[in-house]
Amino acid sequence: MIDAVSDWVWGMPLIGAVLATGLILTLCLRFAHIFNLRRAFVYMFHTEKGGGVSGEVSSFAALCTALSATIGTGNIVGVATAIGTGGPGALFWMEVAAVLGMATKYAEGLLAVKYREVTPDGRVLGGPFYYIEKGLGPRWKPLAVVFAVLGMLSGIMGIGTITQINGITSAVQRFFDPQFSSADMATGIALFGTTYSVPVVVSGVAVTLCAGLVIIGGIKRIARVSSVVVPFMALFYVAVIALLLLGNLAKLPAAIETIVLAAFNPKAVTGGVVGTVFVAIQKGVARGIFSNEAGLGSAPIAAAAARTNEPARQGLVCMTGTFIDTIVICTMTGLAIVVTGAWEPSLGLEGVDITIEAFGRGLAFMGPRSGVIASFFLMAALTFFAFTTILGWSYYSEKCLEYIVGTRHRWCVKAFRVLYVAVVFVGPYLTVSVVWGMADVFNGLMAFPNLVALVLLSPVVARTTADFLRRNGQMVR
């Protein structure tokens, strides 16, 4: 039943709503956010100066906190799943969704800063629940509460905890002890009535300790760690894929042609073995949304903490997250899979195994150990990406809880952090399939209250943007 609900939520209802919202916002903005993409990257590294600037962390740190939750398994496993089930054309539709999603992320970041609250002790409270309540009016507060409840459950029930730690420990076991069986009592460790491999237990404990040390410290510590780990891992991942693509440069034009052709005529490329045009669109858009979270309402929770008094400025910085996550990282992963032919149905591969095969083939010029190198690299990438997702979602779900219980009950937030870390600890030893389904449902349902607010507040987004561009000497298109 959970799988059926998850498939429905992440099917046409969510896809249609996110694409429609992105299109509406793109037209309302008259592509102003696209024309200011270069400026957005400048703002990313230059925190607003001057007295009276509100916020807890720099714009770059706020972006890294948001990216810590979005750059993850979706960039590695999600892209492979989309291409494996929807064909190479799924990558094309992923890009289309990302272009529209940039407008959505821009609006989310803008509204998060515009309607946030700053407590007397300097803490910042913001996100969809605040721009729903303050932007649309008090009578909309029940919708804001629904979003907050779904966001909290999504974080604590799976997408920020159990699924991520499971991904890390599974990747570690796949590399260090792939032949392990739960029946092997001699080489394993007995826990909770079952035997687990040593790499699973050791990596689980290590990640829990590291996560606990960061999460207990709150947003500033999360932002500091994310500001180091996210750029390093993202650049390292992009550098390795760039090396792969350079080693297969002659095949790149044919791969791009295959992607475009498969987007409109999958049968011509796959012979009808993989999907239809509808399946290519569905898989590409759904996996793209899952990866960059444009429209889901998670990123504006982090954006609200940025030190700035200009909502449009932070909107531009927030928008770069979708560009980096999907248009850069997901595209490069997809190109690596198509260039090497690792997606072909005849291989019978699924999920992360497609990506491992792509890296093994693409890096073959590095010698006979290329397969081991590829496997180790993907294990490291999945570990770091999933770890930062644990950090990002701890902050998101904590802020959702804080909105529900109020700012005076700080003990609830501290208790929640301890509970969150405890769930990370037990995560490797829980059955993950049902948890993934529940997490997907909560995560997808979060989008609908947020999308309603974005559409209704689109005139506010347009006016605020126009005012910002005029004051900064830019022609309003």
Foldseek 3Di string as FASTA:
>chain_A
DLLVLLCVLLFDVLLVLLLVLLVLLCVLQVVVLVVCLVVLVVQLPDFDDDPPFAFDAALVLLLLLLLLQQQFLLLQQLLLQLCLFANLLLLVLLVVSLNSLLSLLLLQLLLFQVQWDADPVRDIFGWLLRCQPVVVHPVSNVLSLLLLVLLLCLCQLFSQAQVLLQLLLVLQCCQPPVPDDQVPPPQFDDDPNTTDHPSSQVSLVVLLVVLLVQVLVPSVSLSVVSSPLVVVLLVVLLVLLVVLCVLLVVLQVVLVVRNVCCCQAVCVNQVPPHHDNSSSNSSSSSSSCSNLVRLLTQSSRSSNRHRGNQSSSSSSNSSVSSCSGRVRSSSSLSSLLSSQVLSRCVVVDHGNVSSLVSQLRSCCVVDPCSSSVSSVSVSVSNNSSSSSSSSSSLNRSLSSVCVVVDVVPVVVSSVSSVSSSVSNSCSNVDDRPSSVSSSSSSSSVSSPSSSVSSSVCSVVVSVSVCVVCVVVVHDRD
